[in-house]
Amino acid sequence: MGWLAIDDLEALSAHELHDRAVRYAVHHGDLAFLWELLKMIPAAEASAGNEDETANDLSRVSALLSDAMASGEGRLGEALRPFYIDYLSRHPEA
């Protein structure tokens, strides 16, 4: 993967940011990041206009886990871009 500056991270797609951040967190056992991601998904779903998903996500952990794996896609991925950029900027080796 290799080090990227903030400007380089900003240039990546939400999908690329998601993949880098999740891959790094899984590889390094960073459960705190993965848990934070899961907690952020309902609000990101709401900001992406997916209110029905928000209600489902709040009541089902399995839905959150599934969402976490796909949270780099579409409007949800775009809503989570700042979270991924912040995480990756604190872990430049990701």
N, C-alpha and C. Protein backbone atom coordinates (compact mmCIF):
# COMPACT_ATOMS: atom_id res chain seq x y z
N MET A 1 0.82 -1.19 0.00
CA MET A 1 0.00 0.00 0.00
C MET A 1 0.86 1.24 0.00
N GLY A 2 1.50 1.62 1.04
CA GLY A 2 2.39 2.77 1.01
C GLY A 2 1.75 4.04 1.50
N TRP A 3 2.61 4.96 1.90
CA TRP A 3 2.21 6.21 2.50
C TRP A 3 1.58 7.15 1.48
N LEU A 4 0.48 7.80 1.87
CA LEU A 4 -0.17 8.81 1.04
C LEU A 4 -0.42 10.05 1.89
N ALA A 5 -0.17 11.22 1.31
CA ALA A 5 -0.47 12.49 1.97
C ALA A 5 -1.97 12.74 1.93
N ILE A 6 -2.44 13.69 2.74
CA ILE A 6 -3.86 14.02 2.78
C ILE A 6 -4.39 14.34 1.38
N ASP A 7 -3.65 15.12 0.61
CA ASP A 7 -4.10 15.46 -0.74
C ASP A 7 -4.26 14.21 -1.60
N ASP A 8 -3.35 13.26 -1.44
CA ASP A 8 -3.45 12.01 -2.18
C ASP A 8 -4.67 11.21 -1.73
N LEU A 9 -4.92 11.20 -0.42
CA LEU A 9 -6.10 10.49 0.09
C LEU A 9 -7.38 11.13 -0.43
N GLU A 10 -7.41 12.47 -0.44
CA GLU A 10 -8.60 13.19 -0.93
C GLU A 10 -8.89 12.83 -2.39
N ALA A 11 -7.88 12.50 -3.15
CA ALA A 11 -8.05 12.19 -4.57
C ALA A 11 -8.61 10.78 -4.81
N LEU A 12 -8.56 9.92 -3.78
CA LEU A 12 -9.06 8.56 -3.94
C LEU A 12 -10.58 8.52 -3.88
N SER A 13 -11.15 7.53 -4.54
CA SER A 13 -12.61 7.34 -4.48
C SER A 13 -12.99 6.84 -3.09
N ALA A 14 -14.27 6.97 -2.76
CA ALA A 14 -14.75 6.45 -1.49
C ALA A 14 -14.49 4.94 -1.40
N HIS A 15 -14.66 4.26 -2.49
CA HIS A 15 -14.43 2.81 -2.52
C HIS A 15 -12.97 2.49 -2.20
N GLU A 16 -12.03 3.23 -2.80
CA GLU A 16 -10.61 3.01 -2.53
C GLU A 16 -10.26 3.33 -1.08
N LEU A 17 -10.83 4.42 -0.55
CA LEU A 17 -10.58 4.79 0.84
C LEU A 17 -11.09 3.69 1.78
N HIS A 18 -12.30 3.23 1.52
CA HIS A 18 -12.89 2.17 2.33
C HIS A 18 -11.99 0.94 2.32
N ASP A 19 -11.61 0.50 1.12
CA ASP A 19 -10.80 -0.71 1.02
C ASP A 19 -9.48 -0.58 1.76
N ARG A 20 -8.81 0.55 1.61
CA ARG A 20 -7.53 0.75 2.29
C ARG A 20 -7.70 0.76 3.81
N ALA A 21 -8.70 1.52 4.28
CA ALA A 21 -8.91 1.65 5.73
C ALA A 21 -9.33 0.33 6.35
N VAL A 22 -10.28 -0.36 5.74
CA VAL A 22 -10.76 -1.62 6.30
C VAL A 22 -9.67 -2.69 6.22
N ARG A 23 -8.98 -2.75 5.11
CA ARG A 23 -7.89 -3.74 4.97
C ARG A 23 -6.83 -3.51 6.05
N TYR A 24 -6.44 -2.25 6.26
CA TYR A 24 -5.44 -1.94 7.27
C TYR A 24 -5.95 -2.33 8.66
N ALA A 25 -7.19 -1.94 8.98
CA ALA A 25 -7.75 -2.22 10.30
C ALA A 25 -7.85 -3.72 10.55
N VAL A 26 -8.29 -4.48 9.55
CA VAL A 26 -8.40 -5.93 9.72
C VAL A 26 -7.01 -6.53 9.89
N HIS A 27 -6.07 -6.12 9.07
CA HIS A 27 -4.71 -6.66 9.13
C HIS A 27 -4.06 -6.39 10.49
N HIS A 28 -4.34 -5.22 11.06
CA HIS A 28 -3.72 -4.83 12.33
C HIS A 28 -4.61 -5.08 13.54
N GLY A 29 -5.74 -5.74 13.32
CA GLY A 29 -6.63 -6.03 14.43
C GLY A 29 -7.18 -4.81 15.11
N ASP A 30 -7.40 -3.75 14.35
CA ASP A 30 -7.88 -2.48 14.91
C ASP A 30 -9.40 -2.53 15.04
N LEU A 31 -9.85 -3.24 16.08
CA LEU A 31 -11.28 -3.39 16.32
C LEU A 31 -11.94 -2.06 16.68
N ALA A 32 -11.18 -1.15 17.27
CA ALA A 32 -11.74 0.16 17.62
C ALA A 32 -12.19 0.90 16.35
N PHE A 33 -11.37 0.87 15.30
CA PHE A 33 -11.76 1.51 14.04
C PHE A 33 -12.99 0.82 13.46
N LEU A 34 -12.97 -0.51 13.43
CA LEU A 34 -14.10 -1.24 12.83
C LEU A 34 -15.39 -0.99 13.62
N TRP A 35 -15.30 -0.94 14.94
CA TRP A 35 -16.47 -0.65 15.75
C TRP A 35 -16.95 0.77 15.49
N GLU A 36 -16.03 1.72 15.42
CA GLU A 36 -16.41 3.11 15.13
C GLU A 36 -17.10 3.20 13.78
N LEU A 37 -16.59 2.48 12.79
CA LEU A 37 -17.22 2.43 11.47
C LEU A 37 -18.65 1.92 11.58
N LEU A 38 -18.83 0.83 12.31
CA LEU A 38 -20.17 0.27 12.48
C LEU A 38 -21.11 1.27 13.15
N LYS A 39 -20.60 2.01 14.13
CA LYS A 39 -21.44 3.00 14.81
C LYS A 39 -21.78 4.17 13.91
N MET A 40 -20.91 4.49 12.95
CA MET A 40 -21.14 5.64 12.08
C MET A 40 -22.08 5.33 10.92
N ILE A 41 -22.22 4.07 10.57
CA ILE A 41 -23.00 3.72 9.39
C ILE A 41 -24.45 4.19 9.45
N PRO A 42 -25.18 4.03 10.57
CA PRO A 42 -26.57 4.51 10.55
C PRO A 42 -26.69 6.01 10.23
N ALA A 43 -25.83 6.83 10.81
CA ALA A 43 -25.88 8.27 10.52
C ALA A 43 -25.49 8.55 9.07
N ALA A 44 -24.51 7.80 8.57
CA ALA A 44 -24.11 7.97 7.17
C ALA A 44 -25.23 7.53 6.23
N GLU A 45 -25.93 6.45 6.59
CA GLU A 45 -27.08 6.01 5.79
C GLU A 45 -28.13 7.13 5.74
N ALA A 46 -28.39 7.75 6.88
CA ALA A 46 -29.37 8.84 6.92
C ALA A 46 -28.93 10.01 6.07
N SER A 47 -27.65 10.38 6.16
CA SER A 47 -27.16 11.52 5.37
C SER A 47 -27.13 11.19 3.89
N ALA A 48 -27.07 9.89 3.56
CA ALA A 48 -27.08 9.46 2.15
C ALA A 48 -28.51 9.29 1.64
N GLY A 49 -29.50 9.58 2.50
CA GLY A 49 -30.89 9.49 2.09
C GLY A 49 -31.50 8.11 2.21
N ASN A 50 -30.87 7.24 2.99
CA ASN A 50 -31.37 5.87 3.15
C ASN A 50 -31.98 5.69 4.54
N GLU A 51 -33.06 6.42 4.83
CA GLU A 51 -33.67 6.39 6.15
C GLU A 51 -34.15 5.00 6.54
N ASP A 52 -34.67 4.23 5.59
CA ASP A 52 -35.13 2.88 5.89
C ASP A 52 -33.97 2.01 6.38
N GLU A 53 -32.81 2.15 5.76
CA GLU A 53 -31.63 1.40 6.18
C GLU A 53 -31.21 1.80 7.59
N THR A 54 -31.37 3.08 7.92
CA THR A 54 -30.98 3.56 9.24
C THR A 54 -31.73 2.80 10.32
N ALA A 55 -33.03 2.67 10.19
CA ALA A 55 -33.85 1.97 11.18
C ALA A 55 -33.43 0.50 11.27
N ASN A 56 -33.20 -0.12 10.13
CA ASN A 56 -32.78 -1.51 10.13
C ASN A 56 -31.41 -1.68 10.78
N ASP A 57 -30.48 -0.79 10.46
CA ASP A 57 -29.12 -0.90 10.97
C ASP A 57 -29.07 -0.76 12.49
N LEU A 58 -29.90 0.11 13.01
CA LEU A 58 -29.90 0.32 14.46
C LEU A 58 -30.38 -0.91 15.21
N SER A 59 -31.17 -1.75 14.58
CA SER A 59 -31.74 -2.90 15.28
C SER A 59 -31.05 -4.22 14.96
N ARG A 60 -30.15 -4.26 13.97
CA ARG A 60 -29.55 -5.53 13.57
C ARG A 60 -28.04 -5.40 13.37
N VAL A 61 -27.28 -6.04 14.22
CA VAL A 61 -25.82 -6.01 14.11
C VAL A 61 -25.38 -6.67 12.82
N SER A 62 -26.05 -7.72 12.41
CA SER A 62 -25.64 -8.39 11.17
C SER A 62 -25.74 -7.45 9.98
N ALA A 63 -26.74 -6.58 9.99
CA ALA A 63 -26.87 -5.60 8.92
C ALA A 63 -25.70 -4.63 8.94
N LEU A 64 -25.27 -4.25 10.14
CA LEU A 64 -24.12 -3.35 10.26
C LEU A 64 -22.85 -4.00 9.73
N LEU A 65 -22.65 -5.27 10.06
CA LEU A 65 -21.46 -5.96 9.58
C LEU A 65 -21.47 -6.05 8.06
N SER A 66 -22.61 -6.34 7.50
CA SER A 66 -22.74 -6.39 6.04
C SER A 66 -22.49 -5.02 5.44
N ASP A 67 -23.07 -4.00 6.05
CA ASP A 67 -22.87 -2.63 5.57
C ASP A 67 -21.41 -2.22 5.64
N ALA A 68 -20.73 -2.64 6.70
CA ALA A 68 -19.32 -2.27 6.86
C ALA A 68 -18.49 -2.77 5.69
N MET A 69 -18.80 -3.96 5.22
CA MET A 69 -18.04 -4.52 4.12
C MET A 69 -18.32 -3.80 2.80
N ALA A 70 -19.48 -3.17 2.69
CA ALA A 70 -19.85 -2.47 1.45
C ALA A 70 -19.89 -0.96 1.63
N SER A 71 -19.37 -0.45 2.74
CA SER A 71 -19.52 0.97 3.05
C SER A 71 -18.60 1.89 2.26
N GLY A 72 -17.97 1.39 1.24
CA GLY A 72 -17.16 2.23 0.37
C GLY A 72 -17.87 2.52 -0.94
N GLU A 73 -19.12 2.10 -1.05
CA GLU A 73 -19.85 2.22 -2.31
C GLU A 73 -20.84 3.37 -2.28
N GLY A 74 -21.05 3.97 -3.42
CA GLY A 74 -22.12 4.95 -3.64
C GLY A 74 -22.14 6.10 -2.67
N ARG A 75 -23.36 6.55 -2.37
CA ARG A 75 -23.53 7.72 -1.50
C ARG A 75 -23.10 7.42 -0.07
N LEU A 76 -23.25 6.18 0.37
CA LEU A 76 -22.79 5.81 1.71
C LEU A 76 -21.27 5.97 1.79
N GLY A 77 -20.57 5.48 0.79
CA GLY A 77 -19.12 5.63 0.75
C GLY A 77 -18.70 7.09 0.77
N GLU A 78 -19.42 7.90 0.00
CA GLU A 78 -19.11 9.34 -0.03
C GLU A 78 -19.35 9.98 1.33
N ALA A 79 -20.41 9.56 2.03
CA ALA A 79 -20.70 10.12 3.35
C ALA A 79 -19.62 9.74 4.37
N LEU A 80 -18.97 8.60 4.16
CA LEU A 80 -17.94 8.13 5.09
C LEU A 80 -16.52 8.54 4.69
N ARG A 81 -16.35 9.23 3.56
CA ARG A 81 -15.02 9.65 3.09
C ARG A 81 -14.20 10.35 4.17
N PRO A 82 -14.76 11.34 4.90
CA PRO A 82 -13.94 12.03 5.91
C PRO A 82 -13.43 11.07 7.00
N PHE A 83 -14.23 10.10 7.36
CA PHE A 83 -13.83 9.12 8.37
C PHE A 83 -12.65 8.29 7.88
N TYR A 84 -12.72 7.82 6.64
CA TYR A 84 -11.63 7.04 6.07
C TYR A 84 -10.36 7.88 5.92
N ILE A 85 -10.50 9.11 5.45
CA ILE A 85 -9.34 9.99 5.27
C ILE A 85 -8.67 10.26 6.61
N ASP A 86 -9.47 10.54 7.64
CA ASP A 86 -8.90 10.78 8.97
C ASP A 86 -8.13 9.56 9.45
N TYR A 87 -8.71 8.39 9.33
CA TYR A 87 -8.07 7.17 9.79
C TYR A 87 -6.78 6.90 9.02
N LEU A 88 -6.86 7.00 7.70
CA LEU A 88 -5.68 6.71 6.88
C LEU A 88 -4.58 7.75 7.09
N SER A 89 -4.96 8.99 7.37
CA SER A 89 -3.93 10.01 7.60
C SER A 89 -3.21 9.78 8.92
N ARG A 90 -3.85 9.10 9.88
CA ARG A 90 -3.21 8.76 11.15
C ARG A 90 -2.42 7.47 11.06
N HIS A 91 -2.57 6.74 9.95
CA HIS A 91 -1.85 5.48 9.73
C HIS A 91 -1.22 5.54 8.34
N PRO A 92 -0.21 6.36 8.17
CA PRO A 92 0.33 6.59 6.82
C PRO A 92 0.91 5.36 6.17
N GLU A 93 1.18 4.32 6.93
CA GLU A 93 1.70 3.10 6.31
C GLU A 93 0.60 2.26 5.67
N ALA A 94 -0.66 2.67 5.84
CA ALA A 94 -1.79 1.92 5.26
C ALA A 94 -1.83 2.07 3.75
